[in-house]
Amino acid sequence: MALTYRFDRALSVAEFTDVLVRSTLGERRPIDEPERLAAMLEHADLLCTAWAGDHLVGVSRSLTDFAYCCYLSDLAVDVAYQGQGVGTELIRLTQSRLHPRCKVILLAAPKAQDYYPRIGFAAHPSAWIAPAHPPLASRGAG
């Protein structure tokens, strides 16, 4: 069955959760917190999807200004469809919605670290992550 790619179709929390689990990305996402997943979908700026008929097989969820940078937060492809170019096509569709010089930025899941260099991503030596808790320390008054 040929796949269909969309950038204009909303997802339900159930569809999103299901593809996260089937992709293994669910291991690192709050799949047991539907209200957080709903917020993730509601506040995403760009959602690209891959469908086999009415069956969701992949999603690319991004936060972006569409002009300078695009943070690709989730790239999830059903394991049954991995290795067939679905992830690459979802990234291409994401890029097609952005300014031609807009950079796509992501943090690779451990299982996908070898994938991104193969499709043209370059590692960046100065990415930083702050924990959710505790809050950052105050620098003081000086």
N, C-alpha and C. Protein backbone atom coordinates (compact mmCIF):
# COMPACT_ATOMS: atom_id res chain seq x y z
N MET A 1 0.83 -1.18 0.00
CA MET A 1 0.00 0.00 0.00
C MET A 1 0.88 1.25 0.00
N ALA A 2 0.59 2.17 -0.88
CA ALA A 2 1.34 3.42 -0.96
C ALA A 2 1.03 4.28 0.26
N LEU A 3 2.02 5.00 0.72
CA LEU A 3 1.83 5.88 1.86
C LEU A 3 1.42 7.27 1.39
N THR A 4 0.65 7.95 2.23
CA THR A 4 0.24 9.32 1.99
C THR A 4 0.85 10.19 3.08
N TYR A 5 1.42 11.32 2.68
CA TYR A 5 2.05 12.24 3.63
C TYR A 5 1.20 13.50 3.72
N ARG A 6 1.00 13.99 4.94
CA ARG A 6 0.13 15.15 5.16
C ARG A 6 0.80 16.13 6.12
N PHE A 7 0.51 17.40 5.95
CA PHE A 7 0.94 18.42 6.91
C PHE A 7 -0.26 19.18 7.46
N ASP A 8 -1.46 18.76 7.05
CA ASP A 8 -2.66 19.51 7.39
C ASP A 8 -3.71 18.65 8.10
N ARG A 9 -3.28 17.57 8.72
CA ARG A 9 -4.23 16.70 9.39
C ARG A 9 -3.92 16.64 10.89
N ALA A 10 -4.90 16.99 11.69
CA ALA A 10 -4.73 16.93 13.14
C ALA A 10 -4.73 15.47 13.60
N LEU A 11 -4.12 15.25 14.74
CA LEU A 11 -4.08 13.92 15.33
C LEU A 11 -4.83 13.92 16.65
N SER A 12 -5.43 12.80 16.98
CA SER A 12 -5.99 12.62 18.32
C SER A 12 -4.86 12.18 19.24
N VAL A 13 -5.08 12.35 20.52
CA VAL A 13 -4.10 11.88 21.50
C VAL A 13 -3.91 10.37 21.37
N ALA A 14 -5.00 9.65 21.11
CA ALA A 14 -4.90 8.18 20.96
C ALA A 14 -4.03 7.81 19.77
N GLU A 15 -4.21 8.48 18.64
CA GLU A 15 -3.38 8.19 17.45
C GLU A 15 -1.92 8.50 17.73
N PHE A 16 -1.66 9.65 18.35
CA PHE A 16 -0.30 10.07 18.67
C PHE A 16 0.35 9.06 19.62
N THR A 17 -0.35 8.70 20.67
CA THR A 17 0.17 7.73 21.64
C THR A 17 0.49 6.41 20.95
N ASP A 18 -0.42 5.95 20.12
CA ASP A 18 -0.25 4.66 19.45
C ASP A 18 1.01 4.64 18.58
N VAL A 19 1.23 5.68 17.79
CA VAL A 19 2.41 5.69 16.93
C VAL A 19 3.68 5.87 17.75
N LEU A 20 3.62 6.61 18.85
CA LEU A 20 4.79 6.71 19.72
C LEU A 20 5.19 5.34 20.25
N VAL A 21 4.21 4.57 20.69
CA VAL A 21 4.48 3.24 21.22
C VAL A 21 5.01 2.33 20.12
N ARG A 22 4.38 2.36 18.95
CA ARG A 22 4.80 1.48 17.86
C ARG A 22 6.16 1.86 17.28
N SER A 23 6.64 3.05 17.59
CA SER A 23 7.94 3.50 17.07
C SER A 23 9.08 3.27 18.06
N THR A 24 8.78 2.97 19.29
CA THR A 24 9.68 2.89 20.45
C THR A 24 9.99 4.26 21.04
N LEU A 25 9.59 5.37 20.39
CA LEU A 25 9.82 6.69 20.97
C LEU A 25 8.99 6.86 22.24
N GLY A 26 7.94 6.07 22.38
CA GLY A 26 7.12 6.11 23.58
C GLY A 26 7.91 5.81 24.85
N GLU A 27 9.06 5.17 24.70
CA GLU A 27 9.91 4.90 25.86
C GLU A 27 10.42 6.19 26.50
N ARG A 28 10.45 7.28 25.73
CA ARG A 28 10.97 8.56 26.20
C ARG A 28 9.94 9.69 26.16
N ARG A 29 8.69 9.34 26.02
CA ARG A 29 7.61 10.34 25.99
C ARG A 29 6.57 10.01 27.05
N PRO A 30 5.81 11.01 27.51
CA PRO A 30 4.84 10.79 28.59
C PRO A 30 3.56 10.11 28.13
N ILE A 31 3.69 8.89 27.63
CA ILE A 31 2.53 8.21 27.04
C ILE A 31 1.45 7.86 28.06
N ASP A 32 1.79 7.90 29.34
CA ASP A 32 0.80 7.64 30.38
C ASP A 32 0.17 8.92 30.92
N GLU A 33 0.42 10.05 30.25
CA GLU A 33 -0.12 11.35 30.65
C GLU A 33 -0.83 12.00 29.46
N PRO A 34 -2.06 11.60 29.20
CA PRO A 34 -2.75 12.10 28.01
C PRO A 34 -2.90 13.62 27.97
N GLU A 35 -2.98 14.27 29.12
CA GLU A 35 -3.10 15.73 29.11
C GLU A 35 -1.82 16.39 28.61
N ARG A 36 -0.66 15.82 28.92
CA ARG A 36 0.60 16.36 28.40
C ARG A 36 0.71 16.10 26.91
N LEU A 37 0.31 14.91 26.47
CA LEU A 37 0.34 14.61 25.04
C LEU A 37 -0.60 15.54 24.28
N ALA A 38 -1.76 15.83 24.85
CA ALA A 38 -2.69 16.76 24.22
C ALA A 38 -2.06 18.14 24.08
N ALA A 39 -1.36 18.59 25.12
CA ALA A 39 -0.68 19.89 25.06
C ALA A 39 0.44 19.87 24.02
N MET A 40 1.15 18.76 23.93
CA MET A 40 2.21 18.63 22.92
C MET A 40 1.64 18.79 21.52
N LEU A 41 0.50 18.20 21.27
CA LEU A 41 -0.14 18.32 19.95
C LEU A 41 -0.69 19.73 19.73
N GLU A 42 -1.36 20.26 20.75
CA GLU A 42 -1.99 21.57 20.62
C GLU A 42 -0.98 22.68 20.35
N HIS A 43 0.18 22.59 20.95
CA HIS A 43 1.16 23.67 20.85
C HIS A 43 2.24 23.44 19.79
N ALA A 44 2.16 22.34 19.09
CA ALA A 44 3.11 22.12 17.99
C ALA A 44 2.79 23.11 16.87
N ASP A 45 3.82 23.62 16.24
CA ASP A 45 3.63 24.55 15.13
C ASP A 45 3.47 23.84 13.80
N LEU A 46 4.05 22.64 13.71
CA LEU A 46 4.03 21.91 12.45
C LEU A 46 3.97 20.41 12.74
N LEU A 47 2.96 19.77 12.20
CA LEU A 47 2.76 18.35 12.40
C LEU A 47 2.66 17.70 11.02
N CYS A 48 3.63 16.85 10.69
CA CYS A 48 3.61 16.13 9.42
C CYS A 48 3.39 14.65 9.73
N THR A 49 2.59 14.02 8.92
CA THR A 49 2.20 12.64 9.20
C THR A 49 2.32 11.76 7.97
N ALA A 50 2.47 10.46 8.22
CA ALA A 50 2.51 9.45 7.16
C ALA A 50 1.41 8.44 7.45
N TRP A 51 0.65 8.09 6.42
CA TRP A 51 -0.52 7.23 6.56
C TRP A 51 -0.48 6.08 5.57
N ALA A 52 -0.83 4.90 6.04
CA ALA A 52 -1.09 3.75 5.18
C ALA A 52 -2.61 3.59 5.23
N GLY A 53 -3.30 4.15 4.26
CA GLY A 53 -4.76 4.22 4.32
C GLY A 53 -5.15 5.14 5.46
N ASP A 54 -5.94 4.65 6.40
CA ASP A 54 -6.33 5.42 7.59
C ASP A 54 -5.47 5.11 8.80
N HIS A 55 -4.39 4.38 8.60
CA HIS A 55 -3.52 3.94 9.70
C HIS A 55 -2.29 4.85 9.76
N LEU A 56 -2.13 5.56 10.89
CA LEU A 56 -0.98 6.44 11.09
C LEU A 56 0.28 5.59 11.27
N VAL A 57 1.29 5.84 10.43
CA VAL A 57 2.53 5.07 10.54
C VAL A 57 3.74 5.93 10.88
N GLY A 58 3.57 7.26 10.86
CA GLY A 58 4.69 8.13 11.21
C GLY A 58 4.24 9.54 11.48
N VAL A 59 5.02 10.22 12.33
CA VAL A 59 4.73 11.62 12.65
C VAL A 59 6.03 12.38 12.89
N SER A 60 6.04 13.61 12.43
CA SER A 60 7.11 14.56 12.71
C SER A 60 6.44 15.76 13.37
N ARG A 61 6.79 16.03 14.64
CA ARG A 61 6.17 17.12 15.39
C ARG A 61 7.24 18.16 15.69
N SER A 62 6.99 19.41 15.25
CA SER A 62 8.00 20.46 15.37
C SER A 62 7.46 21.72 16.02
N LEU A 63 8.39 22.45 16.63
CA LEU A 63 8.16 23.79 17.16
C LEU A 63 9.05 24.71 16.34
N THR A 64 8.47 25.75 15.74
CA THR A 64 9.25 26.54 14.80
C THR A 64 8.73 27.97 14.66
N ASP A 65 9.62 28.85 14.17
CA ASP A 65 9.21 30.19 13.74
C ASP A 65 9.07 30.22 12.22
N PHE A 66 9.32 29.11 11.55
CA PHE A 66 9.20 28.89 10.11
C PHE A 66 10.22 29.67 9.28
N ALA A 67 11.04 30.51 9.89
CA ALA A 67 11.96 31.35 9.14
C ALA A 67 13.42 31.07 9.45
N TYR A 68 13.74 30.90 10.73
CA TYR A 68 15.14 30.76 11.13
C TYR A 68 15.46 29.38 11.68
N CYS A 69 14.60 28.87 12.56
CA CYS A 69 14.90 27.57 13.16
C CYS A 69 13.63 26.77 13.38
N CYS A 70 13.80 25.46 13.33
CA CYS A 70 12.71 24.52 13.54
C CYS A 70 13.25 23.40 14.42
N TYR A 71 12.67 23.26 15.61
CA TYR A 71 13.06 22.19 16.50
C TYR A 71 12.16 21.00 16.23
N LEU A 72 12.72 19.95 15.67
CA LEU A 72 11.97 18.73 15.39
C LEU A 72 11.99 17.92 16.69
N SER A 73 10.91 18.02 17.43
CA SER A 73 10.84 17.42 18.75
C SER A 73 10.60 15.92 18.70
N ASP A 74 9.75 15.47 17.79
CA ASP A 74 9.42 14.05 17.70
C ASP A 74 9.46 13.59 16.25
N LEU A 75 10.21 12.55 15.99
CA LEU A 75 10.15 11.84 14.72
C LEU A 75 9.90 10.38 15.08
N ALA A 76 8.67 9.95 14.87
CA ALA A 76 8.27 8.61 15.26
C ALA A 76 7.74 7.86 14.05
N VAL A 77 8.33 6.72 13.77
CA VAL A 77 7.89 5.87 12.66
C VAL A 77 7.67 4.47 13.21
N ASP A 78 6.50 3.94 12.93
CA ASP A 78 6.14 2.57 13.32
C ASP A 78 7.30 1.65 12.91
N VAL A 79 7.75 0.78 13.84
CA VAL A 79 8.89 -0.10 13.53
C VAL A 79 8.64 -0.96 12.29
N ALA A 80 7.39 -1.28 12.00
CA ALA A 80 7.07 -2.07 10.81
C ALA A 80 7.35 -1.30 9.53
N TYR A 81 7.49 0.02 9.60
CA TYR A 81 7.73 0.86 8.43
C TYR A 81 9.12 1.50 8.44
N GLN A 82 9.91 1.24 9.46
CA GLN A 82 11.26 1.80 9.51
C GLN A 82 12.14 1.16 8.44
N GLY A 83 13.11 1.93 7.98
CA GLY A 83 14.02 1.44 6.94
C GLY A 83 13.46 1.57 5.54
N GLN A 84 12.32 2.24 5.39
CA GLN A 84 11.67 2.41 4.09
C GLN A 84 11.64 3.87 3.64
N GLY A 85 12.36 4.75 4.35
CA GLY A 85 12.42 6.16 3.96
C GLY A 85 11.30 7.02 4.53
N VAL A 86 10.48 6.48 5.42
CA VAL A 86 9.36 7.25 5.97
C VAL A 86 9.86 8.43 6.78
N GLY A 87 10.82 8.21 7.67
CA GLY A 87 11.36 9.29 8.49
C GLY A 87 11.98 10.38 7.64
N THR A 88 12.75 9.99 6.65
CA THR A 88 13.38 10.97 5.76
C THR A 88 12.32 11.78 5.02
N GLU A 89 11.28 11.12 4.55
CA GLU A 89 10.22 11.83 3.84
C GLU A 89 9.46 12.77 4.78
N LEU A 90 9.26 12.38 6.02
CA LEU A 90 8.61 13.28 6.99
C LEU A 90 9.48 14.51 7.24
N ILE A 91 10.79 14.34 7.30
CA ILE A 91 11.68 15.49 7.49
C ILE A 91 11.64 16.37 6.24
N ARG A 92 11.65 15.76 5.05
CA ARG A 92 11.55 16.55 3.81
C ARG A 92 10.26 17.36 3.77
N LEU A 93 9.15 16.73 4.18
CA LEU A 93 7.87 17.44 4.21
C LEU A 93 7.94 18.59 5.22
N THR A 94 8.55 18.34 6.37
CA THR A 94 8.74 19.41 7.35
C THR A 94 9.52 20.55 6.72
N GLN A 95 10.64 20.24 6.09
CA GLN A 95 11.47 21.28 5.46
C GLN A 95 10.70 22.04 4.38
N SER A 96 9.83 21.38 3.67
CA SER A 96 9.09 22.03 2.58
C SER A 96 8.14 23.11 3.09
N ARG A 97 7.80 23.08 4.36
CA ARG A 97 6.89 24.06 4.96
C ARG A 97 7.66 25.24 5.57
N LEU A 98 9.00 25.20 5.51
CA LEU A 98 9.86 26.19 6.15
C LEU A 98 10.53 27.09 5.11
N HIS A 99 11.03 28.22 5.55
CA HIS A 99 11.86 29.07 4.70
C HIS A 99 13.04 28.22 4.21
N PRO A 100 13.51 28.43 2.98
CA PRO A 100 14.59 27.60 2.44
C PRO A 100 15.88 27.60 3.27
N ARG A 101 16.11 28.64 4.07
CA ARG A 101 17.32 28.68 4.89
C ARG A 101 17.05 28.39 6.37
N CYS A 102 15.87 27.95 6.68
CA CYS A 102 15.51 27.60 8.05
C CYS A 102 16.19 26.28 8.42
N LYS A 103 16.89 26.26 9.52
CA LYS A 103 17.59 25.05 9.96
C LYS A 103 16.67 24.17 10.80
N VAL A 104 16.79 22.87 10.60
CA VAL A 104 16.07 21.89 11.42
C VAL A 104 17.04 21.39 12.48
N ILE A 105 16.60 21.47 13.73
CA ILE A 105 17.42 21.13 14.88
C ILE A 105 16.71 20.01 15.64
N LEU A 106 17.47 19.05 16.14
CA LEU A 106 16.85 17.98 16.93
C LEU A 106 17.83 17.38 17.89
N LEU A 107 17.29 16.67 18.87
CA LEU A 107 18.08 15.83 19.76
C LEU A 107 17.74 14.39 19.40
N ALA A 108 18.73 13.63 19.01
CA ALA A 108 18.48 12.26 18.56
C ALA A 108 18.20 11.33 19.73
N ALA A 109 17.20 10.47 19.55
CA ALA A 109 16.97 9.39 20.50
C ALA A 109 18.17 8.45 20.42
N PRO A 110 18.52 7.81 21.52
CA PRO A 110 19.69 6.93 21.50
C PRO A 110 19.69 5.92 20.36
N LYS A 111 18.56 5.33 20.05
CA LYS A 111 18.49 4.33 18.98
C LYS A 111 18.61 4.93 17.59
N ALA A 112 18.51 6.26 17.48
CA ALA A 112 18.53 6.91 16.17
C ALA A 112 19.80 7.71 15.91
N GLN A 113 20.77 7.64 16.78
CA GLN A 113 21.98 8.45 16.63
C GLN A 113 22.73 8.18 15.33
N ASP A 114 22.69 6.98 14.83
CA ASP A 114 23.39 6.66 13.58
C ASP A 114 22.56 7.04 12.35
N TYR A 115 21.27 7.20 12.52
CA TYR A 115 20.36 7.50 11.41
C TYR A 115 20.59 8.91 10.85
N TYR A 116 20.64 9.91 11.72
CA TYR A 116 20.66 11.30 11.26
C TYR A 116 21.89 11.67 10.42
N PRO A 117 23.10 11.24 10.77
CA PRO A 117 24.24 11.54 9.89
C PRO A 117 24.08 10.92 8.49
N ARG A 118 23.44 9.75 8.41
CA ARG A 118 23.25 9.08 7.11
C ARG A 118 22.35 9.86 6.18
N ILE A 119 21.43 10.68 6.74
CA ILE A 119 20.51 11.42 5.86
C ILE A 119 20.90 12.89 5.72
N GLY A 120 22.09 13.28 6.25
CA GLY A 120 22.59 14.62 6.00
C GLY A 120 22.65 15.56 7.18
N PHE A 121 22.29 15.12 8.37
CA PHE A 121 22.41 15.98 9.55
C PHE A 121 23.85 15.99 10.03
N ALA A 122 24.28 17.10 10.59
CA ALA A 122 25.61 17.21 11.18
C ALA A 122 25.47 17.36 12.69
N ALA A 123 26.35 16.71 13.43
CA ALA A 123 26.35 16.85 14.89
C ALA A 123 26.77 18.27 15.25
N HIS A 124 26.22 18.79 16.33
CA HIS A 124 26.56 20.13 16.80
C HIS A 124 27.22 20.00 18.17
N PRO A 125 28.40 20.58 18.35
CA PRO A 125 29.14 20.35 19.59
C PRO A 125 28.68 21.15 20.81
N SER A 126 27.73 22.08 20.64
CA SER A 126 27.40 22.93 21.79
C SER A 126 25.91 22.98 22.09
N ALA A 127 25.25 21.87 22.05
CA ALA A 127 23.85 21.82 22.46
C ALA A 127 23.80 21.67 23.98
N TRP A 128 22.84 22.31 24.61
CA TRP A 128 22.72 22.29 26.06
C TRP A 128 21.28 22.01 26.44
N ILE A 129 21.09 21.31 27.54
CA ILE A 129 19.75 20.97 28.02
C ILE A 129 19.67 21.31 29.50
N ALA A 130 18.64 22.06 29.88
CA ALA A 130 18.40 22.35 31.29
C ALA A 130 17.35 21.38 31.81
N PRO A 131 17.52 20.87 33.02
CA PRO A 131 16.51 19.95 33.57
C PRO A 131 15.22 20.70 33.87
N ALA A 132 14.10 19.97 33.88
CA ALA A 132 12.82 20.59 34.22
C ALA A 132 12.81 21.02 35.69
N HIS A 133 13.41 20.19 36.55
CA HIS A 133 13.49 20.50 37.97
C HIS A 133 14.80 19.98 38.50
N PRO A 134 15.46 20.68 39.38
CA PRO A 134 15.07 21.95 39.95
C PRO A 134 15.29 23.09 38.97
N PRO A 135 14.68 24.25 39.22
CA PRO A 135 14.91 25.41 38.35
C PRO A 135 16.39 25.80 38.35
N LEU A 136 16.80 26.53 37.34
CA LEU A 136 18.18 26.99 37.27
C LEU A 136 18.52 27.83 38.50
N ALA A 137 19.75 27.72 38.92
CA ALA A 137 20.20 28.49 40.08
C ALA A 137 20.26 29.96 39.73
N SER A 138 20.00 30.80 40.72
CA SER A 138 20.08 32.25 40.55
C SER A 138 21.54 32.65 40.51
N ARG A 139 21.85 33.66 39.70
CA ARG A 139 23.23 34.15 39.61
C ARG A 139 23.52 35.14 40.73
N GLY A 140 22.53 35.52 41.47
CA GLY A 140 22.75 36.49 42.55
C GLY A 140 22.70 37.92 42.04
N ALA A 141 23.02 38.84 42.86
CA ALA A 141 22.91 40.27 42.54
C ALA A 141 24.27 40.85 42.23
N GLY A 142 25.03 40.28 41.42
CA GLY A 142 26.30 40.91 41.21
C GLY A 142 26.87 40.62 39.95
